[in-house]
Amino acid sequence: MKTEEKDNYTIFRDEKEDVNDFAEFLTQIQDRFKDKNIVTDITKYGELTLEELLMFLKLSTTHRKGKKSFVIVNDTINIDLVPEEIHVVPTLQEAEDLIGLEELERDLGF
């Protein structure tokens, strides 16, 4: 896994070729990054099924309960099919913008 540290978040990218293994791996090591906002860049996988995306549901839910953002970047999934418990955006810039908005909401007590 490759990581890239930004000012207020960390980007995770998989170096392997299996999105399910990547989701499982991130779930196993979640305690290591529970205090950080996370962007998971899975654009390299191209078109994903909803089932593959749902592999990140538990991870997303747990992370967001800890008052941190968890955003997935993928530009091929039909956003209308994605449950609202998972934040999926098509670009890294939109992921950064979403994290900024979520931090502002948390600061305001929402």
PDB file of N, CA and C in Angstrom:
ATOM      1  N   MET A   1       0.842  -1.168   0.000  1.00  0.00           N
ATOM      2  CA  MET A   1       0.000   0.000   0.000  1.00  0.00           C
ATOM      3  C   MET A   1       0.892   1.237   0.000  1.00  0.00           C
ATOM      4  N   LYS A   2       0.506   2.197  -0.808  1.00  0.00           N
ATOM      5  CA  LYS A   2       1.193   3.482  -0.828  1.00  0.00           C
ATOM      6  C   LYS A   2       0.371   4.479  -0.034  1.00  0.00           C
ATOM      7  N   THR A   3       1.052   5.316   0.734  1.00  0.00           N
ATOM      8  CA  THR A   3       0.368   6.379   1.462  1.00  0.00           C
ATOM      9  C   THR A   3       0.988   7.713   1.081  1.00  0.00           C
ATOM     10  N   GLU A   4       0.147   8.727   1.104  1.00  0.00           N
ATOM     11  CA  GLU A   4       0.601  10.087   0.825  1.00  0.00           C
ATOM     12  C   GLU A   4      -0.034  10.999   1.864  1.00  0.00           C
ATOM     13  N   GLU A   5       0.799  11.647   2.661  1.00  0.00           N
ATOM     14  CA  GLU A   5       0.319  12.527   3.722  1.00  0.00           C
ATOM     15  C   GLU A   5       0.042  13.924   3.170  1.00  0.00           C
ATOM     16  N   LYS A   6      -1.126  14.441   3.489  1.00  0.00           N
ATOM     17  CA  LYS A   6      -1.499  15.817   3.154  1.00  0.00           C
ATOM     18  C   LYS A   6      -1.698  16.572   4.463  1.00  0.00           C
ATOM     19  N   ASP A   7      -2.078  17.840   4.379  1.00  0.00           N
ATOM     20  CA  ASP A   7      -2.236  18.650   5.589  1.00  0.00           C
ATOM     21  C   ASP A   7      -3.225  18.059   6.582  1.00  0.00           C
ATOM     22  N   ASN A   8      -4.396  17.695   6.103  1.00  0.00           N
ATOM     23  CA  ASN A   8      -5.430  17.236   7.033  1.00  0.00           C
ATOM     24  C   ASN A   8      -6.017  15.874   6.666  1.00  0.00           C
ATOM     25  N   TYR A   9      -5.311  15.118   5.830  1.00  0.00           N
ATOM     26  CA  TYR A   9      -5.774  13.780   5.479  1.00  0.00           C
ATOM     27  C   TYR A   9      -4.628  12.958   4.905  1.00  0.00           C
ATOM     28  N   THR A  10      -4.866  11.660   4.789  1.00  0.00           N
ATOM     29  CA  THR A  10      -3.903  10.728   4.216  1.00  0.00           C
ATOM     30  C   THR A  10      -4.569   9.992   3.068  1.00  0.00           C
ATOM     31  N   ILE A  11      -3.834   9.848   1.958  1.00  0.00           N
ATOM     32  CA  ILE A  11      -4.341   9.107   0.807  1.00  0.00           C
ATOM     33  C   ILE A  11      -3.750   7.705   0.839  1.00  0.00           C
ATOM     34  N   PHE A  12      -4.609   6.693   0.701  1.00  0.00           N
ATOM     35  CA  PHE A  12      -4.180   5.303   0.582  1.00  0.00           C
ATOM     36  C   PHE A  12      -4.408   4.839  -0.851  1.00  0.00           C
ATOM     37  N   ARG A  13      -3.393   4.187  -1.408  1.00  0.00           N
ATOM     38  CA  ARG A  13      -3.503   3.578  -2.738  1.00  0.00           C
ATOM     39  C   ARG A  13      -2.993   2.145  -2.647  1.00  0.00           C
ATOM     40  N   ASP A  14      -3.672   1.247  -3.321  1.00  0.00           N
ATOM     41  CA  ASP A  14      -3.272  -0.155  -3.319  1.00  0.00           C
ATOM     42  C   ASP A  14      -2.186  -0.392  -4.360  1.00  0.00           C
ATOM     43  N   GLU A  15      -1.225  -1.223  -4.017  1.00  0.00           N
ATOM     44  CA  GLU A  15      -0.168  -1.597  -4.960  1.00  0.00           C
ATOM     45  C   GLU A  15      -0.448  -2.941  -5.611  1.00  0.00           C
ATOM     46  N   LYS A  16      -1.444  -3.629  -5.130  1.00  0.00           N
ATOM     47  CA  LYS A  16      -1.795  -4.942  -5.664  1.00  0.00           C
ATOM     48  C   LYS A  16      -2.923  -4.790  -6.685  1.00  0.00           C
ATOM     49  N   GLU A  17      -3.559  -5.889  -7.016  1.00  0.00           N
ATOM     50  CA  GLU A  17      -4.576  -5.863  -8.074  1.00  0.00           C
ATOM     51  C   GLU A  17      -5.942  -6.391  -7.629  1.00  0.00           C
ATOM     52  N   ASP A  18      -6.216  -6.401  -6.333  1.00  0.00           N
ATOM     53  CA  ASP A  18      -7.480  -6.962  -5.855  1.00  0.00           C
ATOM     54  C   ASP A  18      -8.146  -6.003  -4.870  1.00  0.00           C
ATOM     55  N   VAL A  19      -9.239  -5.403  -5.279  1.00  0.00           N
ATOM     56  CA  VAL A  19      -9.915  -4.417  -4.442  1.00  0.00           C
ATOM     57  C   VAL A  19     -10.471  -5.050  -3.166  1.00  0.00           C
ATOM     58  N   ASN A  20     -10.914  -6.293  -3.226  1.00  0.00           N
ATOM     59  CA  ASN A  20     -11.437  -6.961  -2.030  1.00  0.00           C
ATOM     60  C   ASN A  20     -10.342  -7.168  -0.991  1.00  0.00           C
ATOM     61  N   ASP A  21      -9.157  -7.589  -1.429  1.00  0.00           N
ATOM     62  CA  ASP A  21      -8.032  -7.753  -0.508  1.00  0.00           C
ATOM     63  C   ASP A  21      -7.624  -6.416   0.098  1.00  0.00           C
ATOM     64  N   PHE A  22      -7.677  -5.358  -0.702  1.00  0.00           N
ATOM     65  CA  PHE A  22      -7.325  -4.032  -0.214  1.00  0.00           C
ATOM     66  C   PHE A  22      -8.296  -3.582   0.874  1.00  0.00           C
ATOM     67  N   ALA A  23      -9.582  -3.763   0.645  1.00  0.00           N
ATOM     68  CA  ALA A  23     -10.588  -3.396   1.644  1.00  0.00           C
ATOM     69  C   ALA A  23     -10.398  -4.195   2.926  1.00  0.00           C
ATOM     70  N   GLU A  24     -10.133  -5.466   2.789  1.00  0.00           N
ATOM     71  CA  GLU A  24      -9.919  -6.325   3.960  1.00  0.00           C
ATOM     72  C   GLU A  24      -8.664  -5.895   4.720  1.00  0.00           C
ATOM     73  N   PHE A  25      -7.603  -5.591   3.994  1.00  0.00           N
ATOM     74  CA  PHE A  25      -6.363  -5.151   4.620  1.00  0.00           C
ATOM     75  C   PHE A  25      -6.575  -3.853   5.401  1.00  0.00           C
ATOM     76  N   LEU A  26      -7.243  -2.884   4.801  1.00  0.00           N
ATOM     77  CA  LEU A  26      -7.502  -1.620   5.483  1.00  0.00           C
ATOM     78  C   LEU A  26      -8.343  -1.824   6.742  1.00  0.00           C
ATOM     79  N   THR A  27      -9.296  -2.728   6.669  1.00  0.00           N
ATOM     80  CA  THR A  27     -10.127  -3.021   7.835  1.00  0.00           C
ATOM     81  C   THR A  27      -9.280  -3.597   8.963  1.00  0.00           C
ATOM     82  N   GLN A  28      -8.346  -4.465   8.624  1.00  0.00           N
ATOM     83  CA  GLN A  28      -7.481  -5.091   9.628  1.00  0.00           C
ATOM     84  C   GLN A  28      -6.550  -4.086  10.307  1.00  0.00           C
ATOM     85  N   ILE A  29      -6.116  -3.059   9.588  1.00  0.00           N
ATOM     86  CA  ILE A  29      -5.163  -2.096  10.158  1.00  0.00           C
ATOM     87  C   ILE A  29      -5.821  -0.767  10.541  1.00  0.00           C
ATOM     88  N   GLN A  30      -7.115  -0.734  10.616  1.00  0.00           N
ATOM     89  CA  GLN A  30      -7.825   0.525  10.861  1.00  0.00           C
ATOM     90  C   GLN A  30      -7.374   1.224  12.139  1.00  0.00           C
ATOM     91  N   ASP A  31      -6.999   0.497  13.158  1.00  0.00           N
ATOM     92  CA  ASP A  31      -6.551   1.130  14.401  1.00  0.00           C
ATOM     93  C   ASP A  31      -5.337   2.035  14.184  1.00  0.00           C
ATOM     94  N   ARG A  32      -4.548   1.754  13.167  1.00  0.00           N
ATOM     95  CA  ARG A  32      -3.349   2.548  12.894  1.00  0.00           C
ATOM     96  C   ARG A  32      -3.682   3.946  12.367  1.00  0.00           C
ATOM     97  N   PHE A  33      -4.841   4.110  11.760  1.00  0.00           N
ATOM     98  CA  PHE A  33      -5.179   5.408  11.165  1.00  0.00           C
ATOM     99  C   PHE A  33      -6.522   5.940  11.646  1.00  0.00           C
ATOM    100  N   LYS A  34      -6.994   5.461  12.781  1.00  0.00           N
ATOM    101  CA  LYS A  34      -8.323   5.846  13.261  1.00  0.00           C
ATOM    102  C   LYS A  34      -8.440   7.331  13.599  1.00  0.00           C
ATOM    103  N   ASP A  35      -7.314   8.004  13.825  1.00  0.00           N
ATOM    104  CA  ASP A  35      -7.346   9.417  14.187  1.00  0.00           C
ATOM    105  C   ASP A  35      -7.048  10.345  13.016  1.00  0.00           C
ATOM    106  N   LYS A  36      -7.137   9.822  11.792  1.00  0.00           N
ATOM    107  CA  LYS A  36      -6.838  10.613  10.602  1.00  0.00           C
ATOM    108  C   LYS A  36      -8.012  10.596   9.636  1.00  0.00           C
ATOM    109  N   ASN A  37      -8.148  11.656   8.876  1.00  0.00           N
ATOM    110  CA  ASN A  37      -9.079  11.653   7.753  1.00  0.00           C
ATOM    111  C   ASN A  37      -8.425  10.851   6.637  1.00  0.00           C
ATOM    112  N   ILE A  38      -9.209  10.003   5.980  1.00  0.00           N
ATOM    113  CA  ILE A  38      -8.661   9.081   4.990  1.00  0.00           C
ATOM    114  C   ILE A  38      -9.339   9.262   3.634  1.00  0.00           C
ATOM    115  N   VAL A  39      -8.507   9.267   2.594  1.00  0.00           N
ATOM    116  CA  VAL A  39      -8.976   9.198   1.210  1.00  0.00           C
ATOM    117  C   VAL A  39      -8.439   7.886   0.659  1.00  0.00           C
ATOM    118  N   THR A  40      -9.326   7.038   0.190  1.00  0.00           N
ATOM    119  CA  THR A  40      -8.935   5.767  -0.400  1.00  0.00           C
ATOM    120  C   THR A  40      -9.098   5.879  -1.910  1.00  0.00           C
ATOM    121  N   ASP A  41      -7.969   5.956  -2.603  1.00  0.00           N
ATOM    122  CA  ASP A  41      -7.974   6.137  -4.047  1.00  0.00           C
ATOM    123  C   ASP A  41      -8.000   4.765  -4.722  1.00  0.00           C
ATOM    124  N   ILE A  42      -9.164   4.415  -5.253  1.00  0.00           N
ATOM    125  CA  ILE A  42      -9.295   3.128  -5.941  1.00  0.00           C
ATOM    126  C   ILE A  42      -9.654   3.335  -7.413  1.00  0.00           C
ATOM    127  N   THR A  43      -9.200   4.450  -7.976  1.00  0.00           N
ATOM    128  CA  THR A  43      -9.467   4.714  -9.388  1.00  0.00           C
ATOM    129  C   THR A  43      -8.761   3.720 -10.303  1.00  0.00           C
ATOM    130  N   LYS A  44      -7.666   3.139  -9.847  1.00  0.00           N
ATOM    131  CA  LYS A  44      -6.901   2.223 -10.705  1.00  0.00           C
ATOM    132  C   LYS A  44      -7.684   0.964 -11.060  1.00  0.00           C
ATOM    133  N   TYR A  45      -8.686   0.646 -10.261  1.00  0.00           N
ATOM    134  CA  TYR A  45      -9.469  -0.563 -10.523  1.00  0.00           C
ATOM    135  C   TYR A  45     -10.493  -0.361 -11.639  1.00  0.00           C
ATOM    136  N   GLY A  46     -10.684   0.891 -12.052  1.00  0.00           N
ATOM    137  CA  GLY A  46     -11.660   1.133 -13.105  1.00  0.00           C
ATOM    138  C   GLY A  46     -13.070   0.886 -12.597  1.00  0.00           C
ATOM    139  N   GLU A  47     -13.863   0.265 -13.429  1.00  0.00           N
ATOM    140  CA  GLU A  47     -15.263   0.044 -13.090  1.00  0.00           C
ATOM    141  C   GLU A  47     -15.407  -1.029 -12.018  1.00  0.00           C
ATOM    142  N   LEU A  48     -16.046  -0.657 -10.931  1.00  0.00           N
ATOM    143  CA  LEU A  48     -16.283  -1.576  -9.817  1.00  0.00           C
ATOM    144  C   LEU A  48     -17.767  -1.910  -9.737  1.00  0.00           C
ATOM    145  N   THR A  49     -18.043  -3.054  -9.176  1.00  0.00           N
ATOM    146  CA  THR A  49     -19.431  -3.404  -8.891  1.00  0.00           C
ATOM    147  C   THR A  49     -19.816  -2.795  -7.550  1.00  0.00           C
ATOM    148  N   LEU A  50     -21.094  -2.693  -7.304  1.00  0.00           N
ATOM    149  CA  LEU A  50     -21.559  -2.192  -6.020  1.00  0.00           C
ATOM    150  C   LEU A  50     -21.096  -3.122  -4.900  1.00  0.00           C
ATOM    151  N   GLU A  51     -21.080  -4.413  -5.154  1.00  0.00           N
ATOM    152  CA  GLU A  51     -20.641  -5.379  -4.142  1.00  0.00           C
ATOM    153  C   GLU A  51     -19.186  -5.140  -3.748  1.00  0.00           C
ATOM    154  N   GLU A  52     -18.346  -4.826  -4.731  1.00  0.00           N
ATOM    155  CA  GLU A  52     -16.943  -4.538  -4.420  1.00  0.00           C
ATOM    156  C   GLU A  52     -16.827  -3.267  -3.585  1.00  0.00           C
ATOM    157  N   LEU A  53     -17.592  -2.262  -3.926  1.00  0.00           N
ATOM    158  CA  LEU A  53     -17.574  -1.026  -3.168  1.00  0.00           C
ATOM    159  C   LEU A  53     -18.071  -1.238  -1.739  1.00  0.00           C
ATOM    160  N   LEU A  54     -19.066  -2.091  -1.580  1.00  0.00           N
ATOM    161  CA  LEU A  54     -19.622  -2.349  -0.249  1.00  0.00           C
ATOM    162  C   LEU A  54     -18.633  -3.044   0.676  1.00  0.00           C
ATOM    163  N   MET A  55     -17.524  -3.549   0.138  1.00  0.00           N
ATOM    164  CA  MET A  55     -16.473  -4.121   0.986  1.00  0.00           C
ATOM    165  C   MET A  55     -15.899  -3.048   1.918  1.00  0.00           C
ATOM    166  N   PHE A  56     -16.074  -1.783   1.569  1.00  0.00           N
ATOM    167  CA  PHE A  56     -15.566  -0.669   2.370  1.00  0.00           C
ATOM    168  C   PHE A  56     -16.614  -0.122   3.345  1.00  0.00           C
ATOM    169  N   LEU A  57     -17.819  -0.671   3.350  1.00  0.00           N
ATOM    170  CA  LEU A  57     -18.911  -0.121   4.163  1.00  0.00           C
ATOM    171  C   LEU A  57     -18.599  -0.142   5.653  1.00  0.00           C
ATOM    172  N   LYS A  58     -18.194  -1.283   6.175  1.00  0.00           N
ATOM    173  CA  LYS A  58     -17.905  -1.380   7.614  1.00  0.00           C
ATOM    174  C   LYS A  58     -16.773  -0.437   7.991  1.00  0.00           C
ATOM    175  N   LEU A  59     -15.749  -0.393   7.174  1.00  0.00           N
ATOM    176  CA  LEU A  59     -14.609   0.490   7.411  1.00  0.00           C
ATOM    177  C   LEU A  59     -15.058   1.951   7.442  1.00  0.00           C
ATOM    178  N   SER A  60     -15.867   2.338   6.477  1.00  0.00           N
ATOM    179  CA  SER A  60     -16.365   3.705   6.405  1.00  0.00           C
ATOM    180  C   SER A  60     -17.220   4.057   7.623  1.00  0.00           C
ATOM    181  N   THR A  61     -18.124   3.185   7.961  1.00  0.00           N
ATOM    182  CA  THR A  61     -19.023   3.431   9.095  1.00  0.00           C
ATOM    183  C   THR A  61     -18.249   3.568  10.396  1.00  0.00           C
ATOM    184  N   THR A  62     -17.329   2.665  10.636  1.00  0.00           N
ATOM    185  CA  THR A  62     -16.528   2.701  11.858  1.00  0.00           C
ATOM    186  C   THR A  62     -15.681   3.962  11.918  1.00  0.00           C
ATOM    187  N   HIS A  63     -15.077   4.305  10.811  1.00  0.00           N
ATOM    188  CA  HIS A  63     -14.199   5.476  10.779  1.00  0.00           C
ATOM    189  C   HIS A  63     -14.997   6.756  11.019  1.00  0.00           C
ATOM    190  N   ARG A  64     -16.136   6.871  10.413  1.00  0.00           N
ATOM    191  CA  ARG A  64     -16.952   8.080  10.564  1.00  0.00           C
ATOM    192  C   ARG A  64     -17.548   8.186  11.962  1.00  0.00           C
ATOM    193  N   LYS A  65     -17.802   7.056  12.619  1.00  0.00           N
ATOM    194  CA  LYS A  65     -18.271   7.103  14.012  1.00  0.00           C
ATOM    195  C   LYS A  65     -17.207   7.699  14.916  1.00  0.00           C
ATOM    196  N   GLY A  66     -15.933   7.549  14.521  1.00  0.00           N
ATOM    197  CA  GLY A  66     -14.826   8.131  15.271  1.00  0.00           C
ATOM    198  C   GLY A  66     -14.585   9.593  14.954  1.00  0.00           C
ATOM    199  N   LYS A  67     -15.541  10.229  14.275  1.00  0.00           N
ATOM    200  CA  LYS A  67     -15.488  11.660  13.942  1.00  0.00           C
ATOM    201  C   LYS A  67     -14.332  12.004  12.996  1.00  0.00           C
ATOM    202  N   LYS A  68     -14.051  11.096  12.081  1.00  0.00           N
ATOM    203  CA  LYS A  68     -13.064  11.341  11.041  1.00  0.00           C
ATOM    204  C   LYS A  68     -13.677  10.996   9.689  1.00  0.00           C
ATOM    205  N   SER A  69     -13.194  11.638   8.653  1.00  0.00           N
ATOM    206  CA  SER A  69     -13.725  11.428   7.312  1.00  0.00           C
ATOM    207  C   SER A  69     -13.098  10.202   6.659  1.00  0.00           C
ATOM    208  N   PHE A  70     -13.911   9.514   5.867  1.00  0.00           N
ATOM    209  CA  PHE A  70     -13.445   8.389   5.059  1.00  0.00           C
ATOM    210  C   PHE A  70     -14.093   8.552   3.692  1.00  0.00           C
ATOM    211  N   VAL A  71     -13.263   8.864   2.686  1.00  0.00           N
ATOM    212  CA  VAL A  71     -13.769   9.157   1.353  1.00  0.00           C
ATOM    213  C   VAL A  71     -13.106   8.223   0.347  1.00  0.00           C
ATOM    214  N   ILE A  72     -13.899   7.678  -0.545  1.00  0.00           N
ATOM    215  CA  ILE A  72     -13.398   6.803  -1.599  1.00  0.00           C
ATOM    216  C   ILE A  72     -13.411   7.573  -2.916  1.00  0.00           C
ATOM    217  N   VAL A  73     -12.320   7.460  -3.658  1.00  0.00           N
ATOM    218  CA  VAL A  73     -12.238   8.094  -4.975  1.00  0.00           C
ATOM    219  C   VAL A  73     -12.355   7.007  -6.034  1.00  0.00           C
ATOM    220  N   ASN A  74     -13.415   7.101  -6.828  1.00  0.00           N
ATOM    221  CA  ASN A  74     -13.624   6.203  -7.963  1.00  0.00           C
ATOM    222  C   ASN A  74     -14.558   6.920  -8.922  1.00  0.00           C
ATOM    223  N   ASP A  75     -14.163   6.993 -10.174  1.00  0.00           N
ATOM    224  CA  ASP A  75     -14.940   7.769 -11.135  1.00  0.00           C
ATOM    225  C   ASP A  75     -15.800   6.928 -12.072  1.00  0.00           C
ATOM    226  N   THR A  76     -15.966   5.646 -11.766  1.00  0.00           N
ATOM    227  CA  THR A  76     -16.755   4.797 -12.661  1.00  0.00           C
ATOM    228  C   THR A  76     -18.047   4.274 -12.037  1.00  0.00           C
ATOM    229  N   ILE A  77     -18.156   4.312 -10.727  1.00  0.00           N
ATOM    230  CA  ILE A  77     -19.345   3.760 -10.060  1.00  0.00           C
ATOM    231  C   ILE A  77     -20.516   4.735 -10.229  1.00  0.00           C
ATOM    232  N   ASN A  78     -21.694   4.196 -10.385  1.00  0.00           N
ATOM    233  CA  ASN A  78     -22.906   5.007 -10.467  1.00  0.00           C
ATOM    234  C   ASN A  78     -23.236   5.506  -9.058  1.00  0.00           C
ATOM    235  N   ILE A  79     -23.044   6.782  -8.832  1.00  0.00           N
ATOM    236  CA  ILE A  79     -23.223   7.376  -7.507  1.00  0.00           C
ATOM    237  C   ILE A  79     -24.639   7.164  -6.974  1.00  0.00           C
ATOM    238  N   ASP A  80     -25.614   7.077  -7.850  1.00  0.00           N
ATOM    239  CA  ASP A  80     -27.001   6.882  -7.422  1.00  0.00           C
ATOM    240  C   ASP A  80     -27.204   5.532  -6.740  1.00  0.00           C
ATOM    241  N   LEU A  81     -26.329   4.572  -6.986  1.00  0.00           N
ATOM    242  CA  LEU A  81     -26.449   3.241  -6.386  1.00  0.00           C
ATOM    243  C   LEU A  81     -25.737   3.119  -5.044  1.00  0.00           C
ATOM    244  N   VAL A  82     -24.902   4.095  -4.710  1.00  0.00           N
ATOM    245  CA  VAL A  82     -24.063   4.025  -3.519  1.00  0.00           C
ATOM    246  C   VAL A  82     -24.859   4.446  -2.288  1.00  0.00           C
ATOM    247  N   PRO A  83     -24.834   3.628  -1.225  1.00  0.00           N
ATOM    248  CA  PRO A  83     -25.531   4.026   0.002  1.00  0.00           C
ATOM    249  C   PRO A  83     -24.878   5.269   0.609  1.00  0.00           C
ATOM    250  N   GLU A  84     -25.667   6.070   1.307  1.00  0.00           N
ATOM    251  CA  GLU A  84     -25.147   7.325   1.843  1.00  0.00           C
ATOM    252  C   GLU A  84     -24.117   7.122   2.954  1.00  0.00           C
ATOM    253  N   GLU A  85     -23.978   5.916   3.458  1.00  0.00           N
ATOM    254  CA  GLU A  85     -22.978   5.634   4.490  1.00  0.00           C
ATOM    255  C   GLU A  85     -21.557   5.608   3.923  1.00  0.00           C
ATOM    256  N   ILE A  86     -21.451   5.570   2.610  1.00  0.00           N
ATOM    257  CA  ILE A  86     -20.136   5.577   1.969  1.00  0.00           C
ATOM    258  C   ILE A  86     -20.045   6.835   1.107  1.00  0.00           C
ATOM    259  N   HIS A  87     -18.988   7.600   1.310  1.00  0.00           N
ATOM    260  CA  HIS A  87     -18.783   8.793   0.494  1.00  0.00           C
ATOM    261  C   HIS A  87     -17.862   8.437  -0.660  1.00  0.00           C
ATOM    262  N   VAL A  88     -18.393   8.540  -1.870  1.00  0.00           N
ATOM    263  CA  VAL A  88     -17.625   8.271  -3.084  1.00  0.00           C
ATOM    264  C   VAL A  88     -17.647   9.521  -3.947  1.00  0.00           C
ATOM    265  N   VAL A  89     -16.461   9.937  -4.366  1.00  0.00           N
ATOM    266  CA  VAL A  89     -16.328  11.093  -5.244  1.00  0.00           C
ATOM    267  C   VAL A  89     -15.440  10.709  -6.427  1.00  0.00           C
ATOM    268  N   PRO A  90     -15.555  11.434  -7.546  1.00  0.00           N
ATOM    269  CA  PRO A  90     -14.793  11.040  -8.742  1.00  0.00           C
ATOM    270  C   PRO A  90     -13.341  11.532  -8.796  1.00  0.00           C
ATOM    271  N   THR A  91     -12.971  12.534  -7.964  1.00  0.00           N
ATOM    272  CA  THR A  91     -11.617  13.069  -8.050  1.00  0.00           C
ATOM    273  C   THR A  91     -11.011  13.296  -6.662  1.00  0.00           C
ATOM    274  N   LEU A  92      -9.690  13.380  -6.629  1.00  0.00           N
ATOM    275  CA  LEU A  92      -9.002  13.678  -5.369  1.00  0.00           C
ATOM    276  C   LEU A  92      -9.341  15.073  -4.867  1.00  0.00           C
ATOM    277  N   GLN A  93      -9.526  16.029  -5.783  1.00  0.00           N
ATOM    278  CA  GLN A  93      -9.884  17.390  -5.371  1.00  0.00           C
ATOM    279  C   GLN A  93     -11.236  17.406  -4.664  1.00  0.00           C
ATOM    280  N   GLU A  94     -12.191  16.652  -5.182  1.00  0.00           N
ATOM    281  CA  GLU A  94     -13.499  16.587  -4.530  1.00  0.00           C
ATOM    282  C   GLU A  94     -13.408  15.888  -3.173  1.00  0.00           C
ATOM    283  N   ALA A  95     -12.527  14.925  -3.049  1.00  0.00           N
ATOM    284  CA  ALA A  95     -12.322  14.265  -1.755  1.00  0.00           C
ATOM    285  C   ALA A  95     -11.782  15.270  -0.743  1.00  0.00           C
ATOM    286  N   GLU A  96     -10.813  16.069  -1.164  1.00  0.00           N
ATOM    287  CA  GLU A  96     -10.253  17.095  -0.282  1.00  0.00           C
ATOM    288  C   GLU A  96     -11.326  18.106   0.119  1.00  0.00           C
ATOM    289  N   ASP A  97     -12.127  18.526  -0.832  1.00  0.00           N
ATOM    290  CA  ASP A  97     -13.208  19.478  -0.548  1.00  0.00           C
ATOM    291  C   ASP A  97     -14.213  18.894   0.439  1.00  0.00           C
ATOM    292  N   LEU A  98     -14.579  17.628   0.250  1.00  0.00           N
ATOM    293  CA  LEU A  98     -15.535  16.977   1.146  1.00  0.00           C
ATOM    294  C   LEU A  98     -14.989  16.881   2.569  1.00  0.00           C
ATOM    295  N   ILE A  99     -13.718  16.540   2.695  1.00  0.00           N
ATOM    296  CA  ILE A  99     -13.104  16.469   4.025  1.00  0.00           C
ATOM    297  C   ILE A  99     -13.136  17.842   4.687  1.00  0.00           C
ATOM    298  N   GLY A 100     -12.837  18.884   3.923  1.00  0.00           N
ATOM    299  CA  GLY A 100     -12.892  20.236   4.471  1.00  0.00           C
ATOM    300  C   GLY A 100     -14.282  20.596   4.966  1.00  0.00           C
ATOM    301  N   LEU A 101     -15.302  20.239   4.197  1.00  0.00           N
ATOM    302  CA  LEU A 101     -16.683  20.500   4.617  1.00  0.00           C
ATOM    303  C   LEU A 101     -17.052  19.709   5.869  1.00  0.00           C
ATOM    304  N   GLU A 102     -16.659  18.439   5.903  1.00  0.00           N
ATOM    305  CA  GLU A 102     -16.978  17.617   7.068  1.00  0.00           C
ATOM    306  C   GLU A 102     -16.266  18.133   8.329  1.00  0.00           C
ATOM    307  N   GLU A 103     -15.033  18.587   8.196  1.00  0.00           N
ATOM    308  CA  GLU A 103     -14.323  19.144   9.346  1.00  0.00           C
ATOM    309  C   GLU A 103     -15.018  20.408   9.839  1.00  0.00           C
ATOM    310  N   LEU A 104     -15.463  21.232   8.914  1.00  0.00           N
ATOM    311  CA  LEU A 104     -16.193  22.446   9.293  1.00  0.00           C
ATOM    312  C   LEU A 104     -17.487  22.086  10.034  1.00  0.00           C
ATOM    313  N   GLU A 105     -18.223  21.109   9.527  1.00  0.00           N
ATOM    314  CA  GLU A 105     -19.456  20.666  10.192  1.00  0.00           C
ATOM    315  C   GLU A 105     -19.152  20.157  11.599  1.00  0.00           C
ATOM    316  N   ARG A 106     -18.096  19.368  11.755  1.00  0.00           N
ATOM    317  CA  ARG A 106     -17.749  18.853  13.092  1.00  0.00           C
ATOM    318  C   ARG A 106     -17.373  19.996  14.026  1.00  0.00           C
ATOM    319  N   ASP A 107     -16.632  20.990  13.507  1.00  0.00           N
ATOM    320  CA  ASP A 107     -16.264  22.143  14.328  1.00  0.00           C
ATOM    321  C   ASP A 107     -17.476  22.937  14.780  1.00  0.00           C
ATOM    322  N   LEU A 108     -18.525  22.956  13.939  1.00  0.00           N
ATOM    323  CA  LEU A 108     -19.746  23.676  14.277  1.00  0.00           C
ATOM    324  C   LEU A 108     -20.706  22.835  15.118  1.00  0.00           C
ATOM    325  N   GLY A 109     -20.353  21.573  15.352  1.00  0.00           N
ATOM    326  CA  GLY A 109     -21.179  20.713  16.209  1.00  0.00           C
ATOM    327  C   GLY A 109     -22.238  19.928  15.498  1.00  0.00           C
ATOM    328  N   PHE A 110     -22.159  19.777  14.183  1.00  0.00           N
ATOM    329  CA  PHE A 110     -23.161  18.996  13.446  1.00  0.00           C
ATOM    330  C   PHE A 110     -22.780  17.544  13.385  1.00  0.00           C
TER     331      PHE A 110
END
